[in-house]
C-alpha atoms as a PDB file:
ATOM      1  CA  MET A   1     -17.725 -62.507   2.183  1.00  0.00           C
ATOM      2  CA  ARG A   2     -21.343 -64.482   2.174  1.00  0.00           C
ATOM      3  CA  LYS A   3     -21.843 -67.944   0.855  1.00  0.00           C
ATOM      4  CA  PRO A   4     -22.216 -68.075  -2.973  1.00  0.00           C
ATOM      5  CA  ALA A   5     -26.055 -68.189  -3.459  1.00  0.00           C
ATOM      6  CA  SER A   6     -25.261 -67.431  -7.352  1.00  0.00           C
ATOM      7  CA  VAL A   7     -22.785 -68.666 -10.566  1.00  0.00           C
ATOM      8  CA  ALA A   8     -20.911 -64.692 -10.281  1.00  0.00           C
ATOM      9  CA  ALA A   9     -20.679 -64.870  -6.173  1.00  0.00           C
ATOM     10  CA  LEU A  10     -19.408 -68.819  -7.055  1.00  0.00           C
ATOM     11  CA  ASP A  11     -16.904 -67.415  -9.206  1.00  0.00           C
ATOM     12  CA  ARG A  12     -15.485 -64.105  -7.597  1.00  0.00           C
ATOM     13  CA  LEU A  13     -14.206 -66.652  -4.524  1.00  0.00           C
ATOM     14  CA  GLY A  14     -12.574 -68.756  -6.821  1.00  0.00           C
ATOM     15  CA  ARG A  15     -10.693 -65.929  -8.363  1.00  0.00           C
ATOM     16  CA  VAL A  16      -9.754 -65.005  -4.766  1.00  0.00           C
ATOM     17  CA  ARG A  17      -5.717 -64.827  -4.578  1.00  0.00           C
ATOM     18  CA  LEU A  18      -4.531 -66.771  -1.412  1.00  0.00           C
ATOM     19  CA  SER A  19      -0.763 -66.668  -2.289  1.00  0.00           C
ATOM     20  CA  GLN A  20       1.417 -65.287  -5.050  1.00  0.00           C
ATOM     21  CA  ASN A  21       0.929 -68.903  -7.277  1.00  0.00           C
ATOM     22  CA  PHE A  22      -3.035 -70.244  -6.142  1.00  0.00           C
ATOM     23  CA  ILE A  23      -6.187 -69.406  -5.655  1.00  0.00           C
ATOM     24  CA  MET A  24      -9.068 -69.724  -4.505  1.00  0.00           C
ATOM     25  CA  ARG A  25     -11.247 -72.133  -7.466  1.00  0.00           C
ATOM     26  CA  GLU A  26      -7.862 -74.707  -7.506  1.00  0.00           C
ATOM     27  CA  PHE A  27      -8.585 -75.920  -3.934  1.00  0.00           C
ATOM     28  CA  LEU A  28     -12.626 -76.192  -4.533  1.00  0.00           C
ATOM     29  CA  HIS A  29     -12.502 -79.242  -6.564  1.00  0.00           C
ATOM     30  CA  SER A  30     -13.601 -82.866  -5.726  1.00  0.00           C
ATOM     31  CA  GLU A  31     -14.624 -86.298  -7.677  1.00  0.00           C
ATOM     32  CA  VAL A  32     -17.374 -86.560  -5.151  1.00  0.00           C
ATOM     33  CA  ALA A  33     -18.664 -83.364  -5.047  1.00  0.00           C
ATOM     34  CA  ASN A  34     -18.946 -84.128  -8.940  1.00  0.00           C
ATOM     35  CA  PHE A  35     -19.971 -87.080  -9.637  1.00  0.00           C
ATOM     36  CA  HIS A  36     -22.378 -86.667  -7.657  1.00  0.00           C
ATOM     37  CA  GLY A  37     -23.817 -83.488  -7.890  1.00  0.00           C
ATOM     38  CA  ILE A  38     -23.305 -81.973  -4.143  1.00  0.00           C
ATOM     39  CA  PRO A  39     -22.006 -78.791  -3.840  1.00  0.00           C
ATOM     40  CA  ASN A  40     -18.947 -78.476  -2.467  1.00  0.00           C
ATOM     41  CA  ILE A  41     -18.926 -74.235  -1.315  1.00  0.00           C
ATOM     42  CA  PRO A  42     -17.850 -73.186   1.856  1.00  0.00           C
ATOM     43  CA  ASP A  43     -20.475 -71.729   4.318  1.00  0.00           C
ATOM     44  CA  ASP A  44     -18.010 -69.651   5.833  1.00  0.00           C
ATOM     45  CA  PRO A  45     -15.738 -67.881   2.797  1.00  0.00           C
ATOM     46  CA  ASP A  46     -14.245 -65.752   5.192  1.00  0.00           C
ATOM     47  CA  LEU A  47     -12.069 -68.275   7.383  1.00  0.00           C
ATOM     48  CA  ALA A  48     -12.331 -70.339   4.446  1.00  0.00           C
ATOM     49  CA  ILE A  49      -9.676 -68.088   2.904  1.00  0.00           C
ATOM     50  CA  THR A  50      -8.045 -67.076   5.903  1.00  0.00           C
ATOM     51  CA  VAL A  51      -7.160 -70.268   6.505  1.00  0.00           C
ATOM     52  CA  GLY A  52      -6.386 -70.970   2.730  1.00  0.00           C
ATOM     53  CA  ARG A  53      -4.061 -67.807   2.620  1.00  0.00           C
ATOM     54  CA  ALA A  54      -1.770 -69.785   5.452  1.00  0.00           C
ATOM     55  CA  LEU A  55      -1.756 -72.965   3.780  1.00  0.00           C
ATOM     56  CA  CYS A  56      -0.708 -71.554   1.039  1.00  0.00           C
ATOM     57  CA  SER A  57       1.893 -69.294   1.831  1.00  0.00           C
ATOM     58  CA  GLU A  58       3.657 -71.306   4.872  1.00  0.00           C
ATOM     59  CA  LEU A  59       3.590 -74.398   3.450  1.00  0.00           C
ATOM     60  CA  LEU A  60       2.639 -74.890  -0.387  1.00  0.00           C
ATOM     61  CA  GLU A  61       4.309 -71.672  -1.789  1.00  0.00           C
ATOM     62  CA  PRO A  62       7.439 -72.864  -0.675  1.00  0.00           C
ATOM     63  CA  LEU A  63       6.778 -76.720  -1.405  1.00  0.00           C
ATOM     64  CA  GLN A  64       6.369 -75.309  -4.605  1.00  0.00           C
ATOM     65  CA  ALA A  65       9.414 -73.158  -4.990  1.00  0.00           C
ATOM     66  CA  SER A  66      11.804 -75.594  -3.788  1.00  0.00           C
ATOM     67  CA  PHE A  67      10.354 -78.656  -6.104  1.00  0.00           C
ATOM     68  CA  GLY A  68       8.347 -77.539  -8.784  1.00  0.00           C
ATOM     69  CA  ARG A  69       4.851 -77.359  -9.830  1.00  0.00           C
ATOM     70  CA  ILE A  70       2.790 -78.990  -7.510  1.00  0.00           C
ATOM     71  CA  VAL A  71      -0.813 -81.267  -7.662  1.00  0.00           C
ATOM     72  CA  ILE A  72      -3.473 -80.119  -5.931  1.00  0.00           C
ATOM     73  CA  ARG A  73      -5.698 -83.531  -5.622  1.00  0.00           C
ATOM     74  CA  SER A  74      -8.771 -82.254  -3.101  1.00  0.00           C
ATOM     75  CA  ALA A  75      -8.719 -79.735  -0.021  1.00  0.00           C
ATOM     76  CA  TYR A  76     -11.860 -77.745   1.092  1.00  0.00           C
ATOM     77  CA  ARG A  77     -14.652 -80.031   1.639  1.00  0.00           C
ATOM     78  CA  SER A  78     -18.110 -78.785   2.589  1.00  0.00           C
ATOM     79  CA  PRO A  79     -19.436 -80.136   5.387  1.00  0.00           C
ATOM     80  CA  GLU A  80     -22.431 -82.008   3.468  1.00  0.00           C
ATOM     81  CA  VAL A  81     -19.598 -83.427   0.537  1.00  0.00           C
ATOM     82  CA  ASN A  82     -17.195 -84.948   3.575  1.00  0.00           C
ATOM     83  CA  GLY A  83     -20.541 -86.126   5.367  1.00  0.00           C
ATOM     84  CA  PHE A  84     -21.309 -87.935   2.068  1.00  0.00           C
ATOM     85  CA  CYS A  85     -18.561 -88.984   1.412  1.00  0.00           C
ATOM     86  CA  ASN A  86     -17.907 -90.844   5.210  1.00  0.00           C
ATOM     87  CA  ALA A  87     -21.273 -92.684   4.542  1.00  0.00           C
ATOM     88  CA  GLN A  88     -20.029 -93.880   1.911  1.00  0.00           C
ATOM     89  CA  GLN A  89     -17.097 -94.955   2.930  1.00  0.00           C
ATOM     90  CA  ARG A  90     -18.865 -96.811   6.614  1.00  0.00           C
ATOM     91  CA  ALA A  91     -21.119 -98.725   3.722  1.00  0.00           C
ATOM     92  CA  GLY A  92     -17.432 -99.814   2.270  1.00  0.00           C
ATOM     93  CA  HIS A  93     -18.277 -97.863  -0.884  1.00  0.00           C
ATOM     94  CA  ALA A  94     -14.699 -98.066  -2.678  1.00  0.00           C
ATOM     95  CA  GLY A  95     -13.092 -95.289  -3.591  1.00  0.00           C
ATOM     96  CA  TYR A  96     -14.545 -93.205  -0.716  1.00  0.00           C
ATOM     97  CA  SER A  97     -12.184 -91.626   2.207  1.00  0.00           C
ATOM     98  CA  CYS A  98     -13.221 -89.170   4.194  1.00  0.00           C
ATOM     99  CA  ALA A  99     -12.994 -89.378   8.085  1.00  0.00           C
ATOM    100  CA  VAL A 100     -15.934 -87.637  10.418  1.00  0.00           C
ATOM    101  CA  ASN A 101     -16.837 -84.257  10.141  1.00  0.00           C
ATOM    102  CA  GLU A 102     -15.949 -83.367  13.850  1.00  0.00           C
ATOM    103  CA  ALA A 103     -12.251 -84.898  12.791  1.00  0.00           C
ATOM    104  CA  ASN A 104     -12.139 -82.832   9.694  1.00  0.00           C
ATOM    105  CA  TYR A 105     -13.007 -79.489  11.057  1.00  0.00           C
ATOM    106  CA  ALA A 106      -9.943 -77.305  11.130  1.00  0.00           C
ATOM    107  CA  GLY A 107      -8.243 -79.876   7.720  1.00  0.00           C
ATOM    108  CA  HIS A 108     -10.441 -80.920   4.836  1.00  0.00           C
ATOM    109  CA  ILE A 109     -13.832 -79.034   5.691  1.00  0.00           C
ATOM    110  CA  TRP A 110     -11.694 -74.679   6.218  1.00  0.00           C
ATOM    111  CA  ASP A 111     -14.275 -73.096   7.308  1.00  0.00           C
ATOM    112  CA  ARG A 112     -15.666 -74.926  10.629  1.00  0.00           C
ATOM    113  CA  ARG A 113     -13.092 -74.638  13.777  1.00  0.00           C
ATOM    114  CA  ASP A 114     -11.608 -77.853  16.173  1.00  0.00           C
ATOM    115  CA  ALA A 115     -13.247 -78.977  18.920  1.00  0.00           C
ATOM    116  CA  ASP A 116     -10.894 -76.444  20.543  1.00  0.00           C
ATOM    117  CA  GLY A 117     -12.201 -73.611  18.491  1.00  0.00           C
ATOM    118  CA  LEU A 118      -9.125 -73.229  16.515  1.00  0.00           C
ATOM    119  CA  SER A 119      -8.686 -73.406  12.751  1.00  0.00           C
ATOM    120  CA  GLY A 120      -6.969 -74.837  10.534  1.00  0.00           C
ATOM    121  CA  ALA A 121      -6.983 -76.212   6.163  1.00  0.00           C
ATOM    122  CA  THR A 122      -5.887 -79.012   5.053  1.00  0.00           C
ATOM    123  CA  ALA A 123      -5.144 -79.943   1.182  1.00  0.00           C
ATOM    124  CA  SER A 124      -3.988 -83.652  -0.368  1.00  0.00           C
ATOM    125  CA  ILE A 125      -1.250 -82.682  -2.789  1.00  0.00           C
ATOM    126  CA  MET A 126       0.971 -84.411  -5.061  1.00  0.00           C
ATOM    127  CA  ILE A 127       4.593 -83.520  -5.919  1.00  0.00           C
ATOM    128  CA  PRO A 128       5.986 -84.626  -9.606  1.00  0.00           C
ATOM    129  CA  TRP A 129       9.171 -83.837  -8.724  1.00  0.00           C
ATOM    130  CA  PHE A 130       8.996 -86.406  -5.706  1.00  0.00           C
ATOM    131  CA  ALA A 131       6.560 -89.203  -7.773  1.00  0.00           C
ATOM    132  CA  ASP A 132       9.025 -89.752 -10.101  1.00  0.00           C
ATOM    133  CA  ARG A 133      12.138 -90.326  -7.995  1.00  0.00           C
ATOM    134  CA  TYR A 134       9.602 -92.653  -5.709  1.00  0.00           C
ATOM    135  CA  ALA A 135       8.045 -94.901  -8.698  1.00  0.00           C
ATOM    136  CA  ASP A 136      12.139 -95.306  -9.088  1.00  0.00           C
ATOM    137  CA  GLY A 137      12.034 -96.867  -5.388  1.00  0.00           C
ATOM    138  CA  ALA A 138      12.804 -93.691  -3.004  1.00  0.00           C
ATOM    139  CA  ASP A 139      11.680 -93.693   0.264  1.00  0.00           C
ATOM    140  CA  TRP A 140       8.529 -91.551   1.310  1.00  0.00           C
ATOM    141  CA  ARG A 141      10.272 -90.487   4.409  1.00  0.00           C
ATOM    142  CA  GLY A 142      12.708 -89.039   2.199  1.00  0.00           C
ATOM    143  CA  LEU A 143      10.672 -86.078   1.576  1.00  0.00           C
ATOM    144  CA  ALA A 144       8.251 -86.232   4.932  1.00  0.00           C
ATOM    145  CA  TRP A 145      11.600 -85.799   6.713  1.00  0.00           C
ATOM    146  CA  TRP A 146      12.448 -82.473   4.679  1.00  0.00           C
ATOM    147  CA  ILE A 147       9.555 -80.879   5.354  1.00  0.00           C
ATOM    148  CA  HIS A 148       9.603 -81.335   9.171  1.00  0.00           C
ATOM    149  CA  ASP A 149      13.217 -79.990   8.473  1.00  0.00           C
ATOM    150  CA  HIS A 150      11.791 -77.238   6.837  1.00  0.00           C
ATOM    151  CA  LEU A 151       8.084 -76.406   7.423  1.00  0.00           C
ATOM    152  CA  PRO A 152       5.679 -75.519   9.843  1.00  0.00           C
ATOM    153  CA  TYR A 153       3.355 -78.017   9.166  1.00  0.00           C
ATOM    154  CA  SER A 154       0.959 -79.352  11.200  1.00  0.00           C
ATOM    155  CA  THR A 155       0.029 -82.845   9.981  1.00  0.00           C
ATOM    156  CA  LEU A 156       1.337 -85.280   6.769  1.00  0.00           C
ATOM    157  CA  GLN A 157      -0.338 -87.952   5.894  1.00  0.00           C
ATOM    158  CA  PHE A 158       1.135 -90.184   2.920  1.00  0.00           C
ATOM    159  CA  PHE A 159      -0.502 -92.456   0.321  1.00  0.00           C
ATOM    160  CA  PRO A 160       0.814 -95.478  -1.902  1.00  0.00           C
ATOM    161  CA  ARG A 161      -0.287 -93.824  -5.103  1.00  0.00           C
ATOM    162  CA  MET A 162       1.909 -91.398  -5.913  1.00  0.00           C
ATOM    163  CA  ALA A 163       3.232 -91.064  -2.761  1.00  0.00           C
ATOM    164  CA  ALA A 164       0.568 -88.487  -2.464  1.00  0.00           C
ATOM    165  CA  PHE A 165      -0.072 -86.601   1.389  1.00  0.00           C
ATOM    166  CA  ASN A 166      -1.922 -84.881   2.927  1.00  0.00           C
ATOM    167  CA  ILE A 167      -0.248 -81.862   4.766  1.00  0.00           C
ATOM    168  CA  GLY A 168      -2.366 -79.888   7.405  1.00  0.00           C
ATOM    169  CA  TRP A 169      -1.799 -75.966   8.320  1.00  0.00           C
ATOM    170  CA  HIS A 170      -3.624 -75.421  11.593  1.00  0.00           C
ATOM    171  CA  GLU A 171      -3.012 -72.717  14.446  1.00  0.00           C
ATOM    172  CA  ARG A 172      -1.728 -74.899  16.672  1.00  0.00           C
ATOM    173  CA  PRO A 173       0.798 -77.607  14.748  1.00  0.00           C
ATOM    174  CA  LYS A 174       0.651 -81.103  15.750  1.00  0.00           C
ATOM    175  CA  ARG A 175       3.621 -81.843  14.258  1.00  0.00           C
ATOM    176  CA  ARG A 176       2.975 -85.081  13.216  1.00  0.00           C
ATOM    177  CA  ILE A 177       3.443 -87.349  10.824  1.00  0.00           C
ATOM    178  CA  ASP A 178       1.744 -90.903   9.607  1.00  0.00           C
ATOM    179  CA  SER A 179       1.547 -92.943   6.165  1.00  0.00           C
ATOM    180  CA  PHE A 180       0.032 -95.721   4.702  1.00  0.00           C
ATOM    181  CA  ILE A 181       2.614 -96.626   2.739  1.00  0.00           C
ATOM    182  CA  ALA A 182       5.420 -99.493   4.654  1.00  0.00           C
ATOM    183  CA  PRO A 183       6.434 -98.736   7.341  1.00  0.00           C
ATOM    184  CA  LYS A 184       2.817 -98.030   8.084  1.00  0.00           C
ATOM    185  CA  GLY A 185       2.089 -95.858  11.321  1.00  0.00           C
ATOM    186  CA  CYS A 186       3.331 -92.955  12.796  1.00  0.00           C
ATOM    187  CA  LEU A 187       6.793 -91.557  11.468  1.00  0.00           C
ATOM    188  CA  THR A 188       7.052 -89.163  14.110  1.00  0.00           C
ATOM    189  CA  ARG A 189       4.909 -86.570  16.908  1.00  0.00           C
ATOM    190  CA  PRO A 190       5.753 -85.003  19.369  1.00  0.00           C
ATOM    191  CA  GLY A 191       7.839 -87.341  22.415  1.00  0.00           C
ATOM    192  CA  MET A 192       9.465 -89.216  20.399  1.00  0.00           C
ATOM    193  CA  ASP A 193      12.682 -89.784  20.113  1.00  0.00           C
ATOM    194  CA  ASN A 194      13.401 -88.861  16.568  1.00  0.00           C
ATOM    195  CA  HIS A 195      11.066 -85.384  17.124  1.00  0.00           C
ATOM    196  CA  GLY A 196      13.625 -83.211  17.291  1.00  0.00           C
ATOM    197  CA  GLY A 197      17.350 -82.435  15.117  1.00  0.00           C
ATOM    198  CA  ARG A 198      17.534 -82.747  11.829  1.00  0.00           C
ATOM    199  CA  HIS A 199      17.369 -85.260   9.821  1.00  0.00           C
ATOM    200  CA  ASP A 200      19.462 -84.591   6.194  1.00  0.00           C
ATOM    201  CA  VAL A 201      20.745 -87.482   6.065  1.00  0.00           C
ATOM    202  CA  ALA A 202      17.579 -89.005   4.913  1.00  0.00           C
ATOM    203  CA  TYR A 203      16.943 -86.827   2.199  1.00  0.00           C
ATOM    204  CA  GLU A 204      20.351 -86.636   0.167  1.00  0.00           C
ATOM    205  CA  GLY A 205      20.025 -84.922  -3.139  1.00  0.00           C
ATOM    206  CA  PHE A 206      17.045 -83.075  -2.509  1.00  0.00           C
ATOM    207  CA  PRO A 207      16.673 -79.452  -2.978  1.00  0.00           C
ATOM    208  CA  PRO A 208      17.427 -76.584  -0.638  1.00  0.00           C
ATOM    209  CA  LEU A 209      14.247 -74.822   0.705  1.00  0.00           C
ATOM    210  CA  CYS A 210      13.681 -71.917  -1.697  1.00  0.00           C
ATOM    211  CA  SER A 211      11.133 -68.794  -0.797  1.00  0.00           C
ATOM    212  CA  ALA A 212       8.495 -68.221  -3.430  1.00  0.00           C
END
């Protein structure tokens, strides 16, 4: 598929079904793109579709099947949108939080391979089931460990507002969890003592893993 150059072509891309419950259109939304009028359109739609399907089928569908509806806050970013967002962040403007483009290849920039030539995709999501419990004092690490024990994620990064988090699929998973919620920093990564084994005690009362 070529990069859409018309409304009709963009509409066709948006209708591409990535999995049972997700289509491409909901992953193209961007507040930065909307506010500043920057098109958020993949240069390589075929690669974006391929990694989007992996992200949805391996991570988002099991999450939704297990916890109920999930909310996509942001996902795909074009290099133009991400680069603009990063420049605004470096200039000290509030409301922008994007890494440099190269760091987001095979991350939020779905249609670029990383420095190792590998593909991946990241989405920022919120799970209402957990957000309600987080508002009542639940520890974000419960959800982090549930995902770690059940799903083939690559990266997780948690944020304080509604316990939203980035979840990444990658063809060579990093299996690393970081957080901006206290305790901040790296919860686990390969080589740490807590990385292996089960962590069931951290998520007692959570639903079991359900298939989509």
